[in-house]
């Protein structure tokens, strides 16, 4: 039989690696720390690696019960990162996509944005697209692949709908200038 062996270090004791204590590991009585670059003259990157073929790096935390749950998983076989819990970004924090931060998604405490900040078009690819109010209770715009694009007013409509023959309008048409009809 084997017995698990421990090296016990009292609180606030530090395991230090590097000539200038560059990497440190310790427990402060309540919180635990891994610190890289403790010496400002020797600051570099901190790498966390799993060199086992097709294996993962899994970040877990207790949810208040006796067991821990996975929050983030770096999948070595699929080459993807999976967030198993919600991703929270406070105001003025951006999701940036693309080498030059070409696409940004963010909220600035007043408004929400999807910003195409790079070259090319911002394309929304869908077989059916609907834009709804924030409560998801009424339609504002719908678009169907190979079909109509519809505009709604206060969830009622469509008030304007495209078709193979042109445009249908439900209700009055008001124009600030003259309306020209082709001959």
Protein backbone atom coordinates (compact mmCIF):
# COMPACT_ATOMS: atom_id res chain seq x y z
CA UNK A 1 0.00 0.00 0.00
CA UNK A 2 1.11 3.54 -0.67
CA UNK A 3 0.49 6.60 1.41
CA UNK A 4 0.10 10.08 -0.06
CA UNK A 5 3.06 12.20 0.94
CA UNK A 6 2.92 15.94 1.48
CA UNK A 7 5.50 18.65 1.91
CA UNK A 8 3.87 21.06 4.31
CA UNK A 9 4.77 24.74 4.19
CA UNK A 10 3.26 27.09 6.81
CA UNK A 11 1.09 30.03 5.66
CA UNK A 12 3.00 32.82 3.88
CA UNK A 13 5.95 30.50 3.13
CA UNK A 14 7.01 30.90 -0.49
CA UNK A 15 8.30 28.45 -3.02
CA UNK A 16 10.63 30.52 -5.13
CA UNK A 17 12.18 29.64 -8.49
CA UNK A 18 14.79 31.59 -10.44
CA UNK A 19 17.94 33.44 -9.46
CA UNK A 20 15.93 36.54 -8.51
CA UNK A 21 12.88 34.72 -7.10
CA UNK A 22 11.24 35.22 -10.50
CA UNK A 23 8.38 32.74 -9.98
CA UNK A 24 6.75 32.40 -6.58
CA UNK A 25 4.02 30.15 -5.21
CA UNK A 26 2.47 30.64 -1.77
CA UNK A 27 -0.62 30.54 0.39
CA UNK A 28 -1.33 33.60 2.51
CA UNK A 29 -3.69 32.05 5.05
CA UNK A 30 -6.84 32.65 2.97
CA UNK A 31 -5.81 33.26 -0.64
CA UNK A 32 -3.27 31.43 -2.79
CA UNK A 33 -0.91 32.99 -5.33
CA UNK A 34 1.22 32.15 -8.35
CA UNK A 35 3.31 35.22 -9.18
CA UNK A 36 5.55 35.62 -12.22
CA UNK A 37 7.97 38.51 -12.56
CA UNK A 38 8.37 39.28 -8.87
CA UNK A 39 11.65 40.92 -9.86
CA UNK A 40 10.82 43.79 -12.29
CA UNK A 41 14.21 43.35 -13.98
CA UNK A 42 13.37 39.75 -14.96
CA UNK A 43 9.79 39.93 -16.18
CA UNK A 44 8.68 37.54 -18.87
CA UNK A 45 5.65 35.55 -19.93
CA UNK A 46 3.98 32.93 -17.73
CA UNK A 47 3.26 29.73 -19.65
CA UNK A 48 0.82 27.07 -18.49
CA UNK A 49 1.25 24.02 -20.72
CA UNK A 50 -0.11 20.55 -21.09
CA UNK A 51 2.20 18.58 -23.37
CA UNK A 52 0.11 15.40 -23.25
CA UNK A 53 -1.25 14.69 -26.75
CA UNK A 54 -4.92 15.66 -27.26
CA UNK A 55 -5.46 16.47 -23.58
CA UNK A 56 -7.01 19.57 -22.04
CA UNK A 57 -6.35 22.29 -19.51
CA UNK A 58 -9.41 22.64 -17.30
CA UNK A 59 -10.17 25.53 -14.95
CA UNK A 60 -12.59 24.62 -12.16
CA UNK A 61 -14.07 26.38 -9.16
CA UNK A 62 -16.44 25.46 -6.37
CA UNK A 63 -20.00 26.68 -6.81
CA UNK A 64 -20.72 26.61 -3.10
CA UNK A 65 -21.32 22.89 -2.97
CA UNK A 66 -18.84 20.18 -2.08
CA UNK A 67 -17.93 19.63 -5.73
CA UNK A 68 -16.21 21.81 -8.30
CA UNK A 69 -17.50 22.67 -11.76
CA UNK A 70 -15.62 23.42 -14.96
CA UNK A 71 -15.66 27.06 -16.01
CA UNK A 72 -13.10 27.12 -18.86
CA UNK A 73 -11.71 24.24 -20.88
CA UNK A 74 -8.83 24.50 -23.34
CA UNK A 75 -9.43 21.49 -25.58
CA UNK A 76 -6.13 20.13 -26.91
CA UNK A 77 -7.70 17.69 -29.38
CA UNK A 78 -10.23 20.10 -30.95
CA UNK A 79 -8.14 23.25 -30.65
CA UNK A 80 -10.97 25.27 -29.10
CA UNK A 81 -11.68 27.07 -25.83
CA UNK A 82 -15.05 26.35 -24.23
CA UNK A 83 -16.65 28.52 -21.58
CA UNK A 84 -18.98 26.31 -19.54
CA UNK A 85 -20.32 29.27 -17.56
CA UNK A 86 -21.41 32.77 -18.56
CA UNK A 87 -18.72 35.17 -19.69
CA UNK A 88 -19.15 38.52 -17.93
CA UNK A 89 -17.48 41.64 -19.28
CA UNK A 90 -18.05 44.93 -17.40
CA UNK A 91 -18.93 48.17 -19.22
CA UNK A 92 -16.34 49.52 -21.67
CA UNK A 93 -14.72 46.08 -22.05
CA UNK A 94 -14.63 44.83 -25.64
CA UNK A 95 -14.72 41.47 -27.30
CA UNK A 96 -12.20 41.92 -30.12
CA UNK A 97 -12.05 39.54 -33.05
CA UNK A 98 -9.42 39.52 -35.81
CA UNK A 99 -5.70 40.19 -35.83
CA UNK A 100 -6.25 43.95 -36.03
CA UNK A 101 -9.27 43.95 -33.69
CA UNK A 102 -11.43 44.18 -36.82
CA UNK A 103 -14.72 43.34 -35.09
CA UNK A 104 -15.67 44.72 -31.70
CA UNK A 105 -18.67 43.93 -29.51
CA UNK A 106 -19.12 46.03 -26.39
CA UNK A 107 -21.39 48.03 -24.09
CA UNK A 108 -20.33 51.47 -22.84
CA UNK A 109 -22.83 51.78 -19.92
CA UNK A 110 -25.28 53.63 -22.18
CA UNK A 111 -25.39 51.80 -25.52
CA UNK A 112 -24.46 48.41 -27.02
CA UNK A 113 -22.34 48.14 -30.16
CA UNK A 114 -21.30 45.70 -32.85
CA UNK A 115 -18.56 47.61 -34.65
CA UNK A 116 -16.86 46.64 -37.89
CA UNK A 117 -13.54 48.39 -37.35
CA UNK A 118 -11.58 46.69 -40.16
CA UNK A 119 -11.70 46.44 -43.90
CA UNK A 120 -14.48 44.76 -45.83
CA UNK A 121 -18.14 44.36 -44.98
CA UNK A 122 -19.95 43.35 -41.82
CA UNK A 123 -21.99 40.37 -43.01
CA UNK A 124 -24.80 38.68 -41.11
CA UNK A 125 -25.33 35.21 -42.56
CA UNK A 126 -28.69 33.57 -41.81
CA UNK A 127 -31.46 31.67 -43.56
CA UNK A 128 -33.96 33.65 -41.47
CA UNK A 129 -33.16 36.89 -39.67
CA UNK A 130 -35.38 38.68 -37.19
CA UNK A 131 -34.71 41.86 -35.26
CA UNK A 132 -36.88 42.06 -32.16
CA UNK A 133 -37.39 44.46 -29.30
CA UNK A 134 -35.32 44.02 -26.13
CA UNK A 135 -38.12 42.11 -24.40
CA UNK A 136 -38.39 39.68 -27.34
CA UNK A 137 -42.13 40.36 -27.52
CA UNK A 138 -42.46 42.09 -30.89
CA UNK A 139 -40.95 41.92 -34.35
CA UNK A 140 -39.22 44.95 -35.86
CA UNK A 141 -37.62 43.48 -39.03
CA UNK A 142 -37.68 40.03 -40.64
CA UNK A 143 -35.76 38.73 -43.63
CA UNK A 144 -36.13 35.26 -45.15
CA UNK A 145 -33.65 33.66 -47.54
CA UNK A 146 -35.08 33.75 -51.10
CA UNK A 147 -38.11 35.55 -49.66
CA UNK A 148 -39.45 38.76 -48.21
CA UNK A 149 -37.89 41.48 -46.12
CA UNK A 150 -40.52 42.95 -43.79
CA UNK A 151 -40.67 46.08 -41.65
CA UNK A 152 -43.03 46.24 -38.66
CA UNK A 153 -44.39 49.10 -36.57
CA UNK A 154 -44.91 48.46 -32.86
CA UNK A 155 -44.93 44.72 -33.55
CA UNK A 156 -47.76 45.10 -36.06
CA UNK A 157 -47.33 44.36 -39.70
CA UNK A 158 -45.61 43.86 -41.87
CA UNK A 159 -46.15 47.52 -42.77
CA UNK A 160 -43.67 47.27 -45.67
CA UNK A 161 -42.93 43.95 -47.35
CA UNK A 162 -40.84 43.08 -50.38
CA UNK A 163 -41.97 40.48 -52.89
CA UNK A 164 -41.05 39.20 -56.36
CA UNK A 165 -43.27 41.89 -57.90
CA UNK A 166 -42.10 44.84 -55.78
CA UNK A 167 -43.13 46.28 -52.45
CA UNK A 168 -46.40 46.09 -50.53
CA UNK A 169 -47.32 48.81 -48.06
CA UNK A 170 -50.01 48.40 -45.43
CA UNK A 171 -51.37 51.80 -44.35
CA UNK A 172 -50.76 55.30 -45.66
CA UNK A 173 -47.64 56.44 -47.51
CA UNK A 174 -46.46 59.91 -46.56
CA UNK A 175 -43.71 61.61 -48.58
CA UNK A 176 -41.92 64.89 -47.90
CA UNK A 177 -41.38 65.29 -51.66
CA UNK A 178 -43.17 64.05 -54.74
CA UNK A 179 -43.43 60.37 -55.57
CA UNK A 180 -42.33 59.46 -59.09
CA UNK A 181 -43.89 56.52 -60.86
CA UNK A 182 -42.00 54.99 -63.80
CA UNK A 183 -43.78 55.08 -67.15
